[in-house]
Every structure is written in C-alpha cells, then in structure tokens.
Amino acid sequence: MHIELYHTTIELKKIFRKEKDPRRAARIRAVYLAQMGKTAPQIAQVLGYTRRVVQNWIYSYNRGLQDQTGRGTKARLNADQLQWLRQRIGAAQHRHAI
C-alpha cells in the first residue's frame, strides 16, 4: 500500500500515542502500520475496523486530509432549544450527584 511521506514512522508513533480521540489515534496508527509494510486487511484486523475503512483512511491521508472529520447531520434544535436542553441535563446531573 502506497503512503505519502508527510511524517516519519517515529513522528506518527508519537502522534498516535499522544492523541486523546481514540478514532483519530486509530487513523494515525493505521498510517503508521501501512508505512511499516502492513496490508489493509492486516491493519483492519489489528485495529478492529474493516479493510475498506482502513483503505479510506490511507486514501485521505495520502490526499493530505488526515485531520478531516465527517460532516455529520445538522442539529434539529435551534440555539435556544439546545441551551434549554443543556440546562435540563445539568440540573438532572446535579440532583443525582447529591
């Protein structure tokens, strides 16, 4: 599998060990393992993802999109509704903490 050399293996290892987001750490580790000569199926087995997901991560990395995240869905609540919900959740957490 071809990997663009944006980072050395040493740099990638440091980055994925410091990363707090587990999914982002897995993506970085996938690139690291690919640089170490592992195949997509081997990487998928080690990380617990599908071969296709690993291939997509490598493809994105090679295009320079290593830190891209998904677009997700738009919130169905407006700002006022979100604020109200946050207050309700905070109040419920406070009641249960006592």
C-alpha atoms as a PDB file:
ATOM      1  CA  MET A   1       0.000   0.000   0.000  1.00  0.00           C
ATOM      2  CA  HIS A   2       1.410   3.380  -1.010  1.00  0.00           C
ATOM      3  CA  ILE A   3       1.784   6.032   1.696  1.00  0.00           C
ATOM      4  CA  GLU A   4       2.778   9.652   1.135  1.00  0.00           C
ATOM      5  CA  LEU A   5       5.643  10.537   3.453  1.00  0.00           C
ATOM      6  CA  TYR A   6       4.143  13.501   5.298  1.00  0.00           C
ATOM      7  CA  HIS A   7       5.500  12.106   8.596  1.00  0.00           C
ATOM      8  CA  THR A   8       8.199   9.668   9.601  1.00  0.00           C
ATOM      9  CA  THR A   9       7.240   6.482  11.427  1.00  0.00           C
ATOM     10  CA  ILE A  10       8.760   7.952  14.597  1.00  0.00           C
ATOM     11  CA  GLU A  11       6.599  11.087  14.266  1.00  0.00           C
ATOM     12  CA  LEU A  12       3.457   9.031  13.625  1.00  0.00           C
ATOM     13  CA  LYS A  13       4.149   6.847  16.650  1.00  0.00           C
ATOM     14  CA  LYS A  14       4.493   9.915  18.886  1.00  0.00           C
ATOM     15  CA  ILE A  15       1.344  11.469  17.428  1.00  0.00           C
ATOM     16  CA  PHE A  16      -0.914   8.435  17.882  1.00  0.00           C
ATOM     17  CA  ARG A  17       0.338   7.825  21.418  1.00  0.00           C
ATOM     18  CA  LYS A  18      -0.477  11.413  22.445  1.00  0.00           C
ATOM     19  CA  GLU A  19      -3.853  11.551  20.646  1.00  0.00           C
ATOM     20  CA  LYS A  20      -6.800  11.632  23.049  1.00  0.00           C
ATOM     21  CA  ASP A  21      -9.518  10.860  20.473  1.00  0.00           C
ATOM     22  CA  PRO A  22      -9.496   7.049  20.024  1.00  0.00           C
ATOM     23  CA  ARG A  23     -10.803   7.133  16.461  1.00  0.00           C
ATOM     24  CA  ARG A  24      -8.220   9.698  15.358  1.00  0.00           C
ATOM     25  CA  ALA A  25      -5.496   7.677  17.113  1.00  0.00           C
ATOM     26  CA  ALA A  26      -6.640   4.591  15.180  1.00  0.00           C
ATOM     27  CA  ARG A  27      -6.434   6.508  11.898  1.00  0.00           C
ATOM     28  CA  ILE A  28      -2.904   7.672  12.653  1.00  0.00           C
ATOM     29  CA  ARG A  29      -1.909   4.192  13.781  1.00  0.00           C
ATOM     30  CA  ALA A  30      -3.292   2.788  10.516  1.00  0.00           C
ATOM     31  CA  VAL A  31      -0.991   5.090   8.557  1.00  0.00           C
ATOM     32  CA  TYR A  32       1.900   4.089  10.809  1.00  0.00           C
ATOM     33  CA  LEU A  33       1.233   0.387  10.246  1.00  0.00           C
ATOM     34  CA  ALA A  34       0.920   0.931   6.494  1.00  0.00           C
ATOM     35  CA  GLN A  35       4.311   2.667   6.499  1.00  0.00           C
ATOM     36  CA  MET A  36       5.662  -0.365   8.349  1.00  0.00           C
ATOM     37  CA  GLY A  37       4.577  -2.556   5.408  1.00  0.00           C
ATOM     38  CA  LYS A  38       1.304  -3.983   6.736  1.00  0.00           C
ATOM     39  CA  THR A  39      -1.565  -4.598   4.313  1.00  0.00           C
ATOM     40  CA  ALA A  40      -5.048  -3.123   4.694  1.00  0.00           C
ATOM     41  CA  PRO A  41      -6.535  -6.460   5.862  1.00  0.00           C
ATOM     42  CA  GLN A  42      -3.753  -6.862   8.435  1.00  0.00           C
ATOM     43  CA  ILE A  43      -4.248  -3.306   9.713  1.00  0.00           C
ATOM     44  CA  ALA A  44      -8.019  -3.789   9.838  1.00  0.00           C
ATOM     45  CA  GLN A  45      -7.600  -6.917  11.945  1.00  0.00           C
ATOM     46  CA  VAL A  46      -5.213  -5.215  14.371  1.00  0.00           C
ATOM     47  CA  LEU A  47      -7.397  -2.108  14.800  1.00  0.00           C
ATOM     48  CA  GLY A  48     -10.805  -3.767  14.662  1.00  0.00           C
ATOM     49  CA  TYR A  49     -12.106  -1.906  11.611  1.00  0.00           C
ATOM     50  CA  THR A  50     -12.953  -3.113   8.120  1.00  0.00           C
ATOM     51  CA  ARG A  51     -10.409  -3.264   5.326  1.00  0.00           C
ATOM     52  CA  ARG A  52     -12.408  -0.651   3.402  1.00  0.00           C
ATOM     53  CA  VAL A  53     -12.371   1.814   6.320  1.00  0.00           C
ATOM     54  CA  VAL A  54      -8.588   1.433   6.602  1.00  0.00           C
ATOM     55  CA  GLN A  55      -8.203   1.971   2.851  1.00  0.00           C
ATOM     56  CA  ASN A  56     -10.317   5.134   3.070  1.00  0.00           C
ATOM     57  CA  TRP A  57      -8.164   6.447   5.916  1.00  0.00           C
ATOM     58  CA  ILE A  58      -4.983   5.824   3.927  1.00  0.00           C
ATOM     59  CA  TYR A  59      -6.504   7.416   0.831  1.00  0.00           C
ATOM     60  CA  SER A  60      -7.491  10.510   2.855  1.00  0.00           C
ATOM     61  CA  TYR A  61      -4.057  10.722   4.440  1.00  0.00           C
ATOM     62  CA  ASN A  62      -2.378  10.490   1.031  1.00  0.00           C
ATOM     63  CA  ARG A  63      -4.543  13.355  -0.199  1.00  0.00           C
ATOM     64  CA  GLY A  64      -3.466  15.467   2.791  1.00  0.00           C
ATOM     65  CA  LEU A  65      -6.795  15.127   4.607  1.00  0.00           C
ATOM     66  CA  GLN A  66      -5.524  13.320   7.691  1.00  0.00           C
ATOM     67  CA  ASP A  67      -7.401  15.547  10.144  1.00  0.00           C
ATOM     68  CA  GLN A  68     -10.734  15.696   8.333  1.00  0.00           C
ATOM     69  CA  THR A  69     -13.803  14.660  10.245  1.00  0.00           C
ATOM     70  CA  GLY A  70     -17.208  13.692   8.977  1.00  0.00           C
ATOM     71  CA  ARG A  71     -19.832  16.322   8.268  1.00  0.00           C
ATOM     72  CA  GLY A  72     -22.443  14.636  10.407  1.00  0.00           C
ATOM     73  CA  THR A  73     -26.054  15.730  10.487  1.00  0.00           C
ATOM     74  CA  LYS A  74     -27.257  19.216  11.226  1.00  0.00           C
ATOM     75  CA  ALA A  75     -28.759  19.838  14.642  1.00  0.00           C
ATOM     76  CA  ARG A  76     -32.546  19.663  14.663  1.00  0.00           C
ATOM     77  CA  LEU A  77     -32.752  22.008  17.619  1.00  0.00           C
ATOM     78  CA  ASN A  78     -32.188  25.744  17.376  1.00  0.00           C
ATOM     79  CA  ALA A  79     -29.789  27.574  19.729  1.00  0.00           C
ATOM     80  CA  ASP A  80     -32.484  28.350  22.318  1.00  0.00           C
ATOM     81  CA  GLN A  81     -33.663  24.748  22.409  1.00  0.00           C
ATOM     82  CA  LEU A  82     -30.086  23.492  22.792  1.00  0.00           C
ATOM     83  CA  GLN A  83     -29.470  25.900  25.681  1.00  0.00           C
ATOM     84  CA  TRP A  84     -32.685  24.758  27.412  1.00  0.00           C
ATOM     85  CA  LEU A  85     -31.660  21.104  26.964  1.00  0.00           C
ATOM     86  CA  ARG A  86     -28.179  21.732  28.375  1.00  0.00           C
ATOM     87  CA  GLN A  87     -29.695  23.412  31.434  1.00  0.00           C
ATOM     88  CA  ARG A  88     -32.083  20.498  31.998  1.00  0.00           C
ATOM     89  CA  ILE A  89     -29.273  17.958  31.716  1.00  0.00           C
ATOM     90  CA  GLY A  90     -27.086  19.989  34.079  1.00  0.00           C
ATOM     91  CA  ALA A  91     -29.901  20.208  36.626  1.00  0.00           C
ATOM     92  CA  ALA A  92     -30.577  16.461  36.401  1.00  0.00           C
ATOM     93  CA  GLN A  93     -26.881  15.668  36.867  1.00  0.00           C
ATOM     94  CA  HIS A  94     -26.739  17.977  39.880  1.00  0.00           C
ATOM     95  CA  ARG A  95     -29.764  16.257  41.502  1.00  0.00           C
ATOM     96  CA  HIS A  96     -28.195  12.816  41.032  1.00  0.00           C
ATOM     97  CA  ALA A  97     -24.796  13.888  42.349  1.00  0.00           C
ATOM     98  CA  ILE A  98     -26.204  14.774  45.764  1.00  0.00           C
END
